[in-house]
């Protein structure tokens, strides 16, 4: 995604993004839920096919779990990131959640950034982790999906993880980040940023929608 305006973002932004005013102190009084980045959030249990890229990720991830990850032989052009991740996850299984989160964030962010056009000859392709690692790179949503599934392996609940499509208002582009709920705090993992961030401290990212395996959320005005 990154610098492009993609079909899925155009679809969702045109159908769902509401140009609503800030609610301020009225948000609680009106019974509205304040969600990620301080924006009003509406939850939906099903997407009815609205997010085909994400649906494709879920389908292919189930298939790869059944068939197994193909063996990797490291060479000058291939890092075998999947094998490295397996060793890494085993080494931190007994660590606390913040240690796991930081370790996975750093591991994924070391992988090169590559556009979907270069990798798949497509403008927008959402890769599962095995595809991301096998290609030795990907773009913003690929980092997010890889972190999402790595944290699932490490014991994070689905309901504590969300893939979040945002608008970066500093540079006027669409972007994707991972939001992780940890002890009631929403921590943002961004492939462009070495540190992790609390969502309430991030003012330049405007959420459009977030999604996981259990549902999705739409965002309106800032609370």
N, C-alpha and C. Protein backbone atom coordinates (compact mmCIF):
# COMPACT_ATOMS: atom_id res chain seq x y z
N UNK A 1 0.85 -1.18 0.00
CA UNK A 1 0.00 0.00 0.00
C UNK A 1 0.89 1.23 0.00
N UNK A 2 1.09 1.88 1.15
CA UNK A 2 2.04 2.97 1.22
C UNK A 2 1.70 4.14 0.33
N UNK A 3 2.51 4.37 -0.73
CA UNK A 3 2.38 5.59 -1.51
C UNK A 3 1.21 5.55 -2.48
N UNK A 4 0.61 4.38 -2.71
CA UNK A 4 -0.46 4.27 -3.69
C UNK A 4 -1.82 4.51 -3.06
N UNK A 5 -2.80 4.86 -3.89
CA UNK A 5 -4.19 4.79 -3.51
C UNK A 5 -4.71 3.49 -4.06
N UNK A 6 -5.05 2.55 -3.21
CA UNK A 6 -5.41 1.22 -3.67
C UNK A 6 -6.91 1.05 -3.76
N UNK A 7 -7.31 0.00 -4.49
CA UNK A 7 -8.73 -0.24 -4.72
C UNK A 7 -9.49 -0.49 -3.44
N UNK A 8 -8.90 -1.26 -2.53
CA UNK A 8 -9.63 -1.56 -1.30
C UNK A 8 -9.81 -0.33 -0.43
N UNK A 9 -8.80 0.54 -0.38
CA UNK A 9 -8.93 1.75 0.41
C UNK A 9 -9.92 2.70 -0.22
N UNK A 10 -9.91 2.80 -1.54
CA UNK A 10 -10.89 3.63 -2.22
C UNK A 10 -12.30 3.16 -1.92
N UNK A 11 -12.51 1.84 -1.97
CA UNK A 11 -13.82 1.28 -1.70
C UNK A 11 -14.28 1.63 -0.30
N UNK A 12 -13.45 1.34 0.67
CA UNK A 12 -13.85 1.54 2.05
C UNK A 12 -14.00 3.01 2.38
N UNK A 13 -13.07 3.83 1.90
CA UNK A 13 -13.16 5.25 2.23
C UNK A 13 -14.39 5.88 1.61
N UNK A 14 -14.77 5.47 0.41
CA UNK A 14 -15.93 6.06 -0.25
C UNK A 14 -17.24 5.60 0.39
N UNK A 15 -17.28 4.35 0.87
CA UNK A 15 -18.51 3.82 1.43
C UNK A 15 -18.67 4.12 2.91
N UNK A 16 -17.55 4.12 3.63
CA UNK A 16 -17.64 4.08 5.08
C UNK A 16 -17.10 5.28 5.82
N UNK A 17 -16.12 5.97 5.24
CA UNK A 17 -15.49 7.04 6.01
C UNK A 17 -16.43 8.23 6.07
N UNK A 18 -16.85 8.58 7.27
CA UNK A 18 -17.80 9.66 7.46
C UNK A 18 -17.07 10.93 7.86
N UNK A 19 -17.42 12.02 7.25
CA UNK A 19 -16.81 13.30 7.60
C UNK A 19 -17.62 13.91 8.74
N UNK A 20 -17.42 13.38 9.93
CA UNK A 20 -18.18 13.81 11.08
C UNK A 20 -17.34 14.74 11.95
N UNK A 21 -17.99 15.66 12.67
CA UNK A 21 -17.25 16.57 13.53
C UNK A 21 -16.71 15.85 14.76
N UNK A 22 -15.81 16.50 15.45
CA UNK A 22 -15.32 15.95 16.71
C UNK A 22 -16.45 15.96 17.73
N UNK A 23 -16.53 14.93 18.56
CA UNK A 23 -17.60 14.81 19.53
C UNK A 23 -17.23 15.40 20.88
N UNK A 24 -15.93 15.46 21.16
CA UNK A 24 -15.48 16.00 22.43
C UNK A 24 -16.09 15.27 23.61
N UNK A 25 -16.50 16.02 24.61
CA UNK A 25 -17.04 15.43 25.83
C UNK A 25 -18.39 14.78 25.61
N UNK A 26 -19.05 15.05 24.48
CA UNK A 26 -20.37 14.49 24.21
C UNK A 26 -20.31 13.02 23.84
N UNK A 27 -19.13 12.50 23.50
CA UNK A 27 -19.03 11.11 23.04
C UNK A 27 -19.58 10.15 24.07
N UNK A 28 -19.16 10.27 25.32
CA UNK A 28 -19.63 9.36 26.36
C UNK A 28 -21.11 9.55 26.62
N UNK A 29 -21.55 10.79 26.64
CA UNK A 29 -22.95 11.08 26.91
C UNK A 29 -23.85 10.51 25.83
N UNK A 30 -23.37 10.49 24.60
CA UNK A 30 -24.15 9.97 23.48
C UNK A 30 -24.06 8.45 23.37
N UNK A 31 -23.29 7.82 24.24
CA UNK A 31 -23.16 6.37 24.20
C UNK A 31 -22.27 5.87 23.10
N UNK A 32 -21.38 6.72 22.59
CA UNK A 32 -20.49 6.33 21.51
C UNK A 32 -19.20 5.74 22.07
N UNK A 33 -18.65 4.77 21.37
CA UNK A 33 -17.41 4.13 21.83
C UNK A 33 -16.21 4.83 21.23
N UNK A 34 -15.31 5.25 22.06
CA UNK A 34 -14.06 5.84 21.60
C UNK A 34 -13.06 4.71 21.38
N UNK A 35 -12.56 4.61 20.14
CA UNK A 35 -11.67 3.51 19.79
C UNK A 35 -10.25 3.97 19.52
N UNK A 36 -9.61 3.32 18.56
CA UNK A 36 -8.20 3.57 18.26
C UNK A 36 -7.95 5.02 17.88
N UNK A 37 -6.85 5.56 18.35
CA UNK A 37 -6.40 6.92 18.05
C UNK A 37 -7.39 7.98 18.52
N UNK A 38 -8.33 7.60 19.40
CA UNK A 38 -9.31 8.55 19.90
C UNK A 38 -10.45 8.84 18.96
N UNK A 39 -10.69 7.98 17.98
CA UNK A 39 -11.79 8.16 17.03
C UNK A 39 -13.00 7.30 17.43
N UNK A 40 -14.18 7.79 17.08
CA UNK A 40 -15.41 7.05 17.35
C UNK A 40 -15.42 5.77 16.53
N UNK A 41 -15.74 4.67 17.20
CA UNK A 41 -15.59 3.34 16.61
C UNK A 41 -16.93 2.60 16.62
N UNK A 42 -17.25 1.98 15.48
CA UNK A 42 -18.44 1.13 15.39
C UNK A 42 -18.00 -0.27 15.00
N UNK A 43 -18.44 -1.27 15.75
CA UNK A 43 -18.02 -2.66 15.53
C UNK A 43 -19.03 -3.40 14.66
N UNK A 44 -18.51 -4.31 13.83
CA UNK A 44 -19.34 -5.17 12.98
C UNK A 44 -18.80 -6.60 13.09
N UNK A 45 -19.71 -7.55 13.23
CA UNK A 45 -19.30 -8.95 13.41
C UNK A 45 -18.89 -9.60 12.09
N UNK A 46 -19.53 -9.21 11.00
CA UNK A 46 -19.22 -9.80 9.69
C UNK A 46 -18.98 -8.71 8.67
N UNK A 47 -18.19 -9.04 7.64
CA UNK A 47 -17.85 -8.05 6.62
C UNK A 47 -18.58 -8.28 5.31
N UNK A 48 -19.23 -9.44 5.16
CA UNK A 48 -19.99 -9.74 3.94
C UNK A 48 -19.18 -9.53 2.67
N UNK A 49 -17.93 -9.95 2.69
CA UNK A 49 -17.10 -9.89 1.50
C UNK A 49 -16.58 -8.51 1.15
N UNK A 50 -16.68 -7.57 2.07
CA UNK A 50 -16.25 -6.20 1.79
C UNK A 50 -14.73 -6.07 1.70
N UNK A 51 -14.00 -7.02 2.28
CA UNK A 51 -12.54 -6.93 2.34
C UNK A 51 -11.91 -8.16 1.69
N UNK A 52 -11.93 -8.26 0.37
CA UNK A 52 -11.44 -9.47 -0.30
C UNK A 52 -9.95 -9.73 -0.08
N UNK A 53 -9.15 -8.68 0.08
CA UNK A 53 -7.72 -8.89 0.32
C UNK A 53 -7.50 -9.62 1.65
N UNK A 54 -8.19 -9.18 2.68
CA UNK A 54 -8.08 -9.82 3.99
C UNK A 54 -8.66 -11.23 3.95
N UNK A 55 -9.80 -11.39 3.28
CA UNK A 55 -10.39 -12.72 3.14
C UNK A 55 -9.41 -13.68 2.46
N UNK A 56 -8.69 -13.18 1.46
CA UNK A 56 -7.69 -14.00 0.77
C UNK A 56 -6.57 -14.41 1.69
N UNK A 57 -6.15 -13.50 2.56
CA UNK A 57 -5.10 -13.83 3.54
C UNK A 57 -5.56 -14.96 4.45
N UNK A 58 -6.78 -14.85 4.97
CA UNK A 58 -7.29 -15.87 5.89
C UNK A 58 -7.37 -17.23 5.21
N UNK A 59 -7.82 -17.24 3.96
CA UNK A 59 -7.96 -18.50 3.22
C UNK A 59 -6.60 -19.14 2.97
N UNK A 60 -5.64 -18.35 2.48
CA UNK A 60 -4.32 -18.90 2.16
C UNK A 60 -3.56 -19.31 3.41
N UNK A 61 -3.80 -18.61 4.52
CA UNK A 61 -3.13 -18.97 5.76
C UNK A 61 -3.61 -20.33 6.26
N UNK A 62 -4.89 -20.60 6.12
CA UNK A 62 -5.41 -21.92 6.49
C UNK A 62 -4.80 -22.99 5.60
N UNK A 63 -4.69 -22.70 4.31
CA UNK A 63 -4.13 -23.68 3.37
C UNK A 63 -2.68 -23.99 3.68
N UNK A 64 -1.88 -22.97 4.01
CA UNK A 64 -0.46 -23.19 4.27
C UNK A 64 -0.26 -23.95 5.59
N UNK A 65 -1.15 -23.74 6.55
CA UNK A 65 -1.06 -24.48 7.80
C UNK A 65 -1.31 -25.96 7.57
N UNK A 66 -2.19 -26.26 6.61
CA UNK A 66 -2.49 -27.66 6.31
C UNK A 66 -1.35 -28.32 5.53
N UNK A 67 -0.78 -27.59 4.59
CA UNK A 67 0.23 -28.18 3.71
C UNK A 67 1.65 -28.07 4.28
N UNK A 68 1.86 -27.10 5.16
CA UNK A 68 3.19 -26.89 5.73
C UNK A 68 4.02 -25.91 4.92
N UNK A 69 4.96 -25.26 5.59
CA UNK A 69 5.84 -24.30 4.93
C UNK A 69 6.89 -25.03 4.10
N UNK A 70 7.06 -24.64 2.83
CA UNK A 70 8.09 -25.28 2.00
C UNK A 70 9.48 -25.07 2.60
N UNK A 71 10.37 -26.05 2.45
CA UNK A 71 11.73 -25.90 3.00
C UNK A 71 12.48 -24.76 2.32
N UNK A 72 13.35 -24.12 3.07
CA UNK A 72 14.11 -22.98 2.56
C UNK A 72 15.60 -23.30 2.65
N UNK A 73 16.32 -22.96 1.59
CA UNK A 73 17.78 -23.12 1.59
C UNK A 73 18.42 -21.74 1.45
N UNK A 74 19.03 -21.24 2.51
CA UNK A 74 19.61 -19.90 2.44
C UNK A 74 20.74 -19.81 1.42
N UNK A 75 20.77 -18.69 0.70
CA UNK A 75 21.87 -18.42 -0.23
C UNK A 75 22.06 -16.91 -0.28
N UNK A 76 22.80 -16.44 -1.26
CA UNK A 76 23.11 -15.01 -1.35
C UNK A 76 21.84 -14.17 -1.48
N UNK A 77 20.79 -14.73 -2.11
CA UNK A 77 19.58 -13.97 -2.37
C UNK A 77 18.45 -14.31 -1.40
N UNK A 78 18.58 -15.35 -0.60
CA UNK A 78 17.50 -15.82 0.25
C UNK A 78 17.94 -15.88 1.71
N UNK A 79 17.18 -15.22 2.57
CA UNK A 79 17.54 -15.15 3.99
C UNK A 79 16.90 -16.25 4.84
N UNK A 80 15.84 -16.89 4.32
CA UNK A 80 15.09 -17.89 5.11
C UNK A 80 14.54 -17.27 6.40
N UNK A 81 13.81 -16.17 6.25
CA UNK A 81 13.25 -15.48 7.41
C UNK A 81 12.27 -16.35 8.18
N UNK A 82 11.54 -17.22 7.48
CA UNK A 82 10.58 -18.09 8.16
C UNK A 82 11.29 -19.01 9.15
N UNK A 83 12.43 -19.56 8.75
CA UNK A 83 13.20 -20.42 9.65
C UNK A 83 13.75 -19.62 10.83
N UNK A 84 14.21 -18.41 10.55
CA UNK A 84 14.72 -17.55 11.62
C UNK A 84 13.62 -17.23 12.63
N UNK A 85 12.41 -16.97 12.11
CA UNK A 85 11.30 -16.65 13.00
C UNK A 85 10.93 -17.84 13.88
N UNK A 86 10.96 -19.03 13.32
CA UNK A 86 10.63 -20.22 14.11
C UNK A 86 11.59 -20.38 15.29
N UNK A 87 12.87 -20.18 15.03
CA UNK A 87 13.87 -20.26 16.11
C UNK A 87 13.63 -19.16 17.13
N UNK A 88 13.34 -17.96 16.62
CA UNK A 88 13.13 -16.81 17.50
C UNK A 88 11.91 -17.01 18.41
N UNK A 89 10.80 -17.45 17.84
CA UNK A 89 9.58 -17.62 18.64
C UNK A 89 9.78 -18.67 19.73
N UNK A 90 10.50 -19.73 19.41
CA UNK A 90 10.77 -20.75 20.42
C UNK A 90 11.61 -20.18 21.57
N UNK A 91 12.49 -19.26 21.24
CA UNK A 91 13.40 -18.71 22.26
C UNK A 91 12.71 -17.72 23.20
N UNK A 92 11.56 -17.18 22.79
CA UNK A 92 10.89 -16.16 23.63
C UNK A 92 9.51 -16.61 24.11
N UNK A 93 9.20 -17.88 23.97
CA UNK A 93 7.87 -18.38 24.36
C UNK A 93 7.53 -18.07 25.81
N UNK A 94 8.52 -18.09 26.67
CA UNK A 94 8.27 -17.89 28.10
C UNK A 94 8.50 -16.46 28.57
N UNK A 95 8.75 -15.56 27.63
CA UNK A 95 8.94 -14.15 27.98
C UNK A 95 7.58 -13.46 28.16
N UNK A 96 7.58 -12.26 28.76
CA UNK A 96 6.32 -11.54 28.91
C UNK A 96 5.87 -10.95 27.58
N UNK A 97 4.65 -10.46 27.56
CA UNK A 97 4.05 -10.04 26.28
C UNK A 97 4.75 -8.83 25.67
N UNK A 98 5.17 -7.89 26.48
CA UNK A 98 5.83 -6.71 25.90
C UNK A 98 7.16 -7.10 25.27
N UNK A 99 7.86 -8.05 25.88
CA UNK A 99 9.12 -8.53 25.29
C UNK A 99 8.84 -9.23 23.96
N UNK A 100 7.81 -10.05 23.92
CA UNK A 100 7.45 -10.74 22.68
C UNK A 100 7.10 -9.73 21.60
N UNK A 101 6.28 -8.75 21.96
CA UNK A 101 5.83 -7.74 21.00
C UNK A 101 7.02 -6.97 20.42
N UNK A 102 7.90 -6.51 21.27
CA UNK A 102 9.06 -5.74 20.81
C UNK A 102 9.98 -6.59 19.94
N UNK A 103 10.15 -7.85 20.31
CA UNK A 103 11.04 -8.74 19.55
C UNK A 103 10.49 -8.99 18.15
N UNK A 104 9.20 -9.26 18.05
CA UNK A 104 8.59 -9.52 16.75
C UNK A 104 8.59 -8.25 15.90
N UNK A 105 8.34 -7.11 16.51
CA UNK A 105 8.36 -5.84 15.79
C UNK A 105 9.73 -5.60 15.16
N UNK A 106 10.78 -5.79 15.95
CA UNK A 106 12.14 -5.58 15.44
C UNK A 106 12.49 -6.60 14.36
N UNK A 107 12.10 -7.85 14.58
CA UNK A 107 12.42 -8.89 13.60
C UNK A 107 11.78 -8.58 12.25
N UNK A 108 10.50 -8.28 12.24
CA UNK A 108 9.80 -8.03 10.98
C UNK A 108 10.33 -6.77 10.29
N UNK A 109 10.62 -5.74 11.06
CA UNK A 109 11.04 -4.47 10.46
C UNK A 109 12.41 -4.54 9.79
N UNK A 110 13.19 -5.58 10.09
CA UNK A 110 14.50 -5.71 9.44
C UNK A 110 14.37 -6.20 8.00
N UNK A 111 13.22 -6.76 7.66
CA UNK A 111 13.01 -7.32 6.33
C UNK A 111 12.84 -6.19 5.33
N UNK A 112 13.43 -6.28 4.14
CA UNK A 112 13.39 -5.17 3.18
C UNK A 112 11.98 -4.79 2.74
N UNK A 113 11.80 -3.51 2.49
CA UNK A 113 10.54 -3.01 1.93
C UNK A 113 10.57 -3.20 0.41
N UNK A 114 9.57 -3.88 -0.11
CA UNK A 114 9.43 -4.10 -1.55
C UNK A 114 8.00 -3.84 -1.96
N UNK A 115 7.79 -3.18 -3.07
CA UNK A 115 6.44 -2.88 -3.52
C UNK A 115 5.76 -4.13 -4.07
N UNK A 116 4.43 -4.12 -4.06
CA UNK A 116 3.67 -5.23 -4.63
C UNK A 116 3.89 -5.34 -6.13
N UNK A 117 4.11 -4.20 -6.78
CA UNK A 117 4.34 -4.23 -8.22
C UNK A 117 5.62 -4.99 -8.53
N UNK A 118 6.64 -4.78 -7.75
CA UNK A 118 7.90 -5.50 -7.96
C UNK A 118 7.78 -6.97 -7.55
N UNK A 119 7.10 -7.22 -6.45
CA UNK A 119 7.03 -8.57 -5.89
C UNK A 119 6.06 -9.48 -6.64
N UNK A 120 4.87 -8.92 -6.99
CA UNK A 120 3.80 -9.76 -7.52
C UNK A 120 3.23 -9.24 -8.84
N UNK A 121 3.80 -8.15 -9.35
CA UNK A 121 3.29 -7.52 -10.56
C UNK A 121 1.82 -7.13 -10.40
N UNK A 122 1.46 -6.70 -9.19
CA UNK A 122 0.12 -6.23 -8.88
C UNK A 122 0.23 -4.91 -8.11
N UNK A 123 -0.78 -4.07 -8.24
CA UNK A 123 -0.77 -2.81 -7.51
C UNK A 123 -0.98 -3.02 -6.02
N UNK A 124 -1.78 -4.03 -5.67
CA UNK A 124 -2.07 -4.25 -4.26
C UNK A 124 -2.28 -5.73 -3.99
N UNK A 125 -1.36 -6.32 -3.23
CA UNK A 125 -1.45 -7.74 -2.88
C UNK A 125 -1.15 -7.88 -1.40
N UNK A 126 -2.06 -8.50 -0.66
CA UNK A 126 -1.86 -8.72 0.77
C UNK A 126 -1.27 -10.11 0.95
N UNK A 127 -0.02 -10.19 1.38
CA UNK A 127 0.71 -11.45 1.48
C UNK A 127 0.53 -12.10 2.85
N UNK A 128 0.46 -13.43 2.86
CA UNK A 128 0.53 -14.15 4.12
C UNK A 128 2.00 -14.20 4.54
N UNK A 129 2.30 -14.52 5.80
CA UNK A 129 3.69 -14.50 6.24
C UNK A 129 4.64 -15.33 5.39
N UNK A 130 4.23 -16.54 5.00
CA UNK A 130 5.13 -17.38 4.19
C UNK A 130 5.49 -16.71 2.87
N UNK A 131 4.54 -16.00 2.27
CA UNK A 131 4.81 -15.29 1.02
C UNK A 131 5.75 -14.11 1.26
N UNK A 132 5.52 -13.39 2.33
CA UNK A 132 6.36 -12.26 2.72
C UNK A 132 7.80 -12.70 2.95
N UNK A 133 7.98 -13.79 3.69
CA UNK A 133 9.33 -14.27 3.99
C UNK A 133 10.00 -14.87 2.75
N UNK A 134 9.23 -15.61 1.96
CA UNK A 134 9.80 -16.25 0.77
C UNK A 134 10.27 -15.22 -0.25
N UNK A 135 9.57 -14.08 -0.31
CA UNK A 135 9.95 -13.02 -1.26
C UNK A 135 11.01 -12.10 -0.69
N UNK A 136 11.41 -12.34 0.56
CA UNK A 136 12.42 -11.49 1.21
C UNK A 136 12.02 -10.03 1.24
N UNK A 137 10.72 -9.78 1.41
CA UNK A 137 10.28 -8.39 1.52
C UNK A 137 8.82 -8.22 1.17
N UNK A 138 8.32 -7.02 1.45
CA UNK A 138 6.94 -6.69 1.15
C UNK A 138 6.66 -5.25 1.53
N UNK A 139 5.38 -4.87 1.44
CA UNK A 139 5.03 -3.50 1.82
C UNK A 139 4.25 -3.49 3.13
N UNK A 140 3.65 -2.34 3.48
CA UNK A 140 3.23 -2.11 4.86
C UNK A 140 2.27 -3.16 5.41
N UNK A 141 1.26 -3.56 4.61
CA UNK A 141 0.32 -4.54 5.14
C UNK A 141 0.97 -5.91 5.35
N UNK A 142 2.01 -6.20 4.57
CA UNK A 142 2.70 -7.49 4.72
C UNK A 142 3.45 -7.58 6.05
N UNK A 143 4.08 -6.48 6.45
CA UNK A 143 4.71 -6.43 7.77
C UNK A 143 3.67 -6.65 8.87
N UNK A 144 2.53 -5.99 8.72
CA UNK A 144 1.48 -6.07 9.72
C UNK A 144 0.94 -7.49 9.85
N UNK A 145 0.66 -8.12 8.71
CA UNK A 145 0.12 -9.48 8.73
C UNK A 145 1.14 -10.46 9.31
N UNK A 146 2.41 -10.28 8.97
CA UNK A 146 3.45 -11.14 9.53
C UNK A 146 3.52 -11.00 11.05
N UNK A 147 3.45 -9.77 11.55
CA UNK A 147 3.48 -9.54 12.99
C UNK A 147 2.23 -10.12 13.65
N UNK A 148 1.09 -9.93 13.01
CA UNK A 148 -0.19 -10.43 13.53
C UNK A 148 -0.10 -11.93 13.80
N UNK A 149 0.33 -12.68 12.80
CA UNK A 149 0.37 -14.14 12.95
C UNK A 149 1.50 -14.60 13.86
N UNK A 150 2.61 -13.88 13.89
CA UNK A 150 3.69 -14.23 14.81
C UNK A 150 3.24 -14.07 16.26
N UNK A 151 2.51 -12.99 16.53
CA UNK A 151 2.01 -12.77 17.89
C UNK A 151 0.92 -13.78 18.25
N UNK A 152 0.15 -14.20 17.28
CA UNK A 152 -0.84 -15.27 17.55
C UNK A 152 -0.12 -16.55 17.99
N UNK A 153 0.96 -16.88 17.29
CA UNK A 153 1.74 -18.07 17.67
C UNK A 153 2.26 -17.94 19.10
N UNK A 154 2.57 -16.72 19.49
CA UNK A 154 3.15 -16.46 20.81
C UNK A 154 2.10 -16.27 21.89
N UNK A 155 0.84 -16.55 21.57
CA UNK A 155 -0.19 -16.58 22.60
C UNK A 155 -1.08 -15.36 22.71
N UNK A 156 -0.94 -14.38 21.82
CA UNK A 156 -1.83 -13.22 21.84
C UNK A 156 -3.20 -13.63 21.31
N UNK A 157 -4.26 -13.12 21.94
CA UNK A 157 -5.62 -13.42 21.51
C UNK A 157 -5.99 -12.63 20.27
N UNK A 158 -6.85 -13.22 19.45
CA UNK A 158 -7.32 -12.53 18.25
C UNK A 158 -7.91 -11.17 18.60
N UNK A 159 -8.71 -11.13 19.66
CA UNK A 159 -9.40 -9.89 20.01
C UNK A 159 -8.45 -8.78 20.47
N UNK A 160 -7.19 -9.11 20.71
CA UNK A 160 -6.21 -8.09 21.11
C UNK A 160 -5.37 -7.60 19.94
N UNK A 161 -5.67 -8.08 18.74
CA UNK A 161 -4.89 -7.72 17.55
C UNK A 161 -5.80 -7.16 16.47
N UNK A 162 -5.37 -6.08 15.84
CA UNK A 162 -6.14 -5.53 14.72
C UNK A 162 -5.21 -4.99 13.63
N UNK A 163 -5.54 -5.34 12.42
CA UNK A 163 -4.92 -4.73 11.24
C UNK A 163 -5.66 -3.43 10.98
N UNK A 164 -4.95 -2.31 10.95
CA UNK A 164 -5.60 -1.00 10.87
C UNK A 164 -5.16 -0.25 9.61
N UNK A 165 -6.12 0.05 8.76
CA UNK A 165 -5.86 0.90 7.59
C UNK A 165 -6.06 2.34 8.02
N UNK A 166 -5.06 3.17 7.79
CA UNK A 166 -5.07 4.55 8.25
C UNK A 166 -4.73 5.50 7.10
N UNK A 167 -5.01 6.77 7.35
CA UNK A 167 -4.52 7.84 6.49
C UNK A 167 -3.45 8.59 7.26
N UNK A 168 -2.25 8.66 6.70
CA UNK A 168 -1.18 9.42 7.32
C UNK A 168 -1.34 10.87 6.88
N UNK A 169 -1.83 11.70 7.78
CA UNK A 169 -2.15 13.08 7.42
C UNK A 169 -0.91 13.95 7.27
N UNK A 170 0.23 13.49 7.76
CA UNK A 170 1.47 14.25 7.59
C UNK A 170 1.92 14.27 6.13
N UNK A 171 1.78 13.13 5.46
CA UNK A 171 2.27 13.01 4.09
C UNK A 171 1.17 12.59 3.11
N UNK A 172 -0.08 12.54 3.59
CA UNK A 172 -1.25 12.32 2.75
C UNK A 172 -1.16 11.01 1.96
N UNK A 173 -0.93 9.91 2.67
CA UNK A 173 -0.95 8.59 2.04
C UNK A 173 -1.75 7.63 2.91
N UNK A 174 -2.21 6.55 2.28
CA UNK A 174 -2.79 5.45 3.02
C UNK A 174 -1.66 4.54 3.52
N UNK A 175 -1.90 3.93 4.66
CA UNK A 175 -0.87 3.11 5.30
C UNK A 175 -1.58 2.04 6.13
N UNK A 176 -0.85 1.02 6.56
CA UNK A 176 -1.41 -0.03 7.41
C UNK A 176 -0.49 -0.26 8.60
N UNK A 177 -1.07 -0.32 9.79
CA UNK A 177 -0.31 -0.57 11.01
C UNK A 177 -1.01 -1.68 11.79
N UNK A 178 -0.31 -2.22 12.78
CA UNK A 178 -0.90 -3.21 13.67
C UNK A 178 -1.17 -2.56 15.02
N UNK A 179 -2.38 -2.77 15.53
CA UNK A 179 -2.73 -2.32 16.88
C UNK A 179 -2.82 -3.53 17.79
N UNK A 180 -2.14 -3.47 18.92
CA UNK A 180 -2.11 -4.57 19.89
C UNK A 180 -2.62 -4.05 21.22
N UNK A 181 -3.67 -4.68 21.73
CA UNK A 181 -4.18 -4.32 23.05
C UNK A 181 -3.35 -5.04 24.11
N UNK A 182 -2.72 -4.25 24.96
CA UNK A 182 -1.88 -4.81 26.02
C UNK A 182 -2.23 -4.12 27.32
N UNK A 183 -2.89 -4.86 28.20
CA UNK A 183 -3.29 -4.32 29.51
C UNK A 183 -4.13 -3.05 29.36
N UNK A 184 -5.02 -3.05 28.37
CA UNK A 184 -5.92 -1.91 28.18
C UNK A 184 -5.34 -0.77 27.38
N UNK A 185 -4.09 -0.88 26.97
CA UNK A 185 -3.46 0.14 26.13
C UNK A 185 -3.33 -0.37 24.70
N UNK A 186 -3.60 0.50 23.74
CA UNK A 186 -3.45 0.14 22.33
C UNK A 186 -2.06 0.56 21.86
N UNK A 187 -1.24 -0.43 21.54
CA UNK A 187 0.13 -0.19 21.11
C UNK A 187 0.20 -0.34 19.60
N UNK A 188 0.81 0.62 18.93
CA UNK A 188 0.87 0.66 17.47
C UNK A 188 2.24 0.22 17.00
N UNK A 189 2.23 -0.74 16.07
CA UNK A 189 3.45 -1.25 15.44
C UNK A 189 3.45 -0.81 13.98
N UNK A 190 4.44 -0.03 13.59
CA UNK A 190 4.52 0.57 12.26
C UNK A 190 5.87 0.18 11.65
N UNK A 191 5.85 -0.34 10.44
CA UNK A 191 7.11 -0.77 9.82
C UNK A 191 8.07 0.40 9.55
N UNK A 192 7.56 1.63 9.57
CA UNK A 192 8.41 2.79 9.31
C UNK A 192 9.06 3.34 10.57
N UNK A 193 8.66 2.81 11.73
CA UNK A 193 9.10 3.36 13.01
C UNK A 193 9.74 2.26 13.85
N UNK A 194 10.94 2.51 14.35
CA UNK A 194 11.66 1.48 15.12
C UNK A 194 10.99 1.21 16.45
N UNK A 195 10.48 2.24 17.09
CA UNK A 195 9.83 2.08 18.39
C UNK A 195 8.36 1.73 18.21
N UNK A 196 7.75 1.14 19.25
CA UNK A 196 6.31 0.98 19.27
C UNK A 196 5.72 2.21 19.96
N UNK A 197 4.43 2.49 19.69
CA UNK A 197 3.84 3.73 20.15
C UNK A 197 2.47 3.48 20.77
N UNK A 198 2.10 4.27 21.77
CA UNK A 198 0.74 4.26 22.26
C UNK A 198 -0.14 5.04 21.28
N UNK A 199 -1.30 4.50 20.96
CA UNK A 199 -2.14 5.16 19.95
C UNK A 199 -2.51 6.58 20.35
N UNK A 200 -2.68 6.82 21.64
CA UNK A 200 -3.09 8.16 22.07
C UNK A 200 -2.01 9.21 21.85
N UNK A 201 -0.78 8.76 21.60
CA UNK A 201 0.31 9.69 21.33
C UNK A 201 0.56 9.90 19.85
N UNK A 202 -0.21 9.21 19.01
CA UNK A 202 -0.02 9.29 17.56
C UNK A 202 -1.14 10.15 16.98
N UNK A 203 -0.80 11.35 16.54
CA UNK A 203 -1.82 12.30 16.10
C UNK A 203 -1.96 12.38 14.59
N UNK A 204 -1.02 11.82 13.84
CA UNK A 204 -1.03 11.98 12.39
C UNK A 204 -1.68 10.81 11.65
N UNK A 205 -2.08 9.77 12.36
CA UNK A 205 -2.71 8.62 11.72
C UNK A 205 -4.22 8.66 11.98
N UNK A 206 -4.98 8.70 10.90
CA UNK A 206 -6.44 8.77 10.98
C UNK A 206 -7.01 7.42 10.56
N UNK A 207 -7.60 6.65 11.48
CA UNK A 207 -8.06 5.31 11.13
C UNK A 207 -9.27 5.34 10.20
N UNK A 208 -9.27 4.44 9.23
CA UNK A 208 -10.40 4.26 8.33
C UNK A 208 -11.19 3.03 8.73
N UNK A 209 -10.49 1.91 8.84
CA UNK A 209 -11.12 0.71 9.40
C UNK A 209 -10.04 -0.16 10.00
N UNK A 210 -10.46 -1.05 10.90
CA UNK A 210 -9.57 -2.07 11.44
C UNK A 210 -10.28 -3.41 11.34
N UNK A 211 -9.48 -4.49 11.36
CA UNK A 211 -10.06 -5.81 11.10
C UNK A 211 -9.22 -6.89 11.76
N UNK A 212 -9.88 -7.96 12.15
CA UNK A 212 -9.17 -9.18 12.54
C UNK A 212 -10.03 -10.38 12.14
N UNK A 213 -9.74 -11.54 12.67
CA UNK A 213 -10.48 -12.74 12.26
C UNK A 213 -11.89 -12.79 12.82
N UNK A 214 -12.19 -11.96 13.80
CA UNK A 214 -13.50 -12.01 14.46
C UNK A 214 -14.45 -10.89 14.07
N UNK A 215 -13.98 -9.89 13.35
CA UNK A 215 -14.86 -8.79 12.99
C UNK A 215 -14.09 -7.61 12.42
N UNK A 216 -14.80 -6.47 12.28
CA UNK A 216 -14.13 -5.27 11.79
C UNK A 216 -14.77 -4.05 12.43
N UNK A 217 -14.08 -2.91 12.33
CA UNK A 217 -14.49 -1.68 12.99
C UNK A 217 -14.36 -0.51 12.02
N UNK A 218 -15.38 0.34 12.03
CA UNK A 218 -15.38 1.55 11.20
C UNK A 218 -15.16 2.76 12.10
N UNK A 219 -14.49 3.79 11.56
CA UNK A 219 -14.17 4.97 12.36
C UNK A 219 -14.81 6.21 11.76
N UNK A 220 -15.28 7.08 12.65
CA UNK A 220 -15.88 8.34 12.23
C UNK A 220 -15.04 9.48 12.80
N UNK A 221 -15.68 10.48 13.39
CA UNK A 221 -14.95 11.65 13.86
C UNK A 221 -14.14 11.39 15.12
N UNK A 222 -13.21 12.29 15.37
CA UNK A 222 -12.40 12.19 16.59
C UNK A 222 -13.26 12.54 17.80
N UNK A 223 -13.10 11.79 18.86
CA UNK A 223 -13.89 12.04 20.07
C UNK A 223 -13.44 13.32 20.77
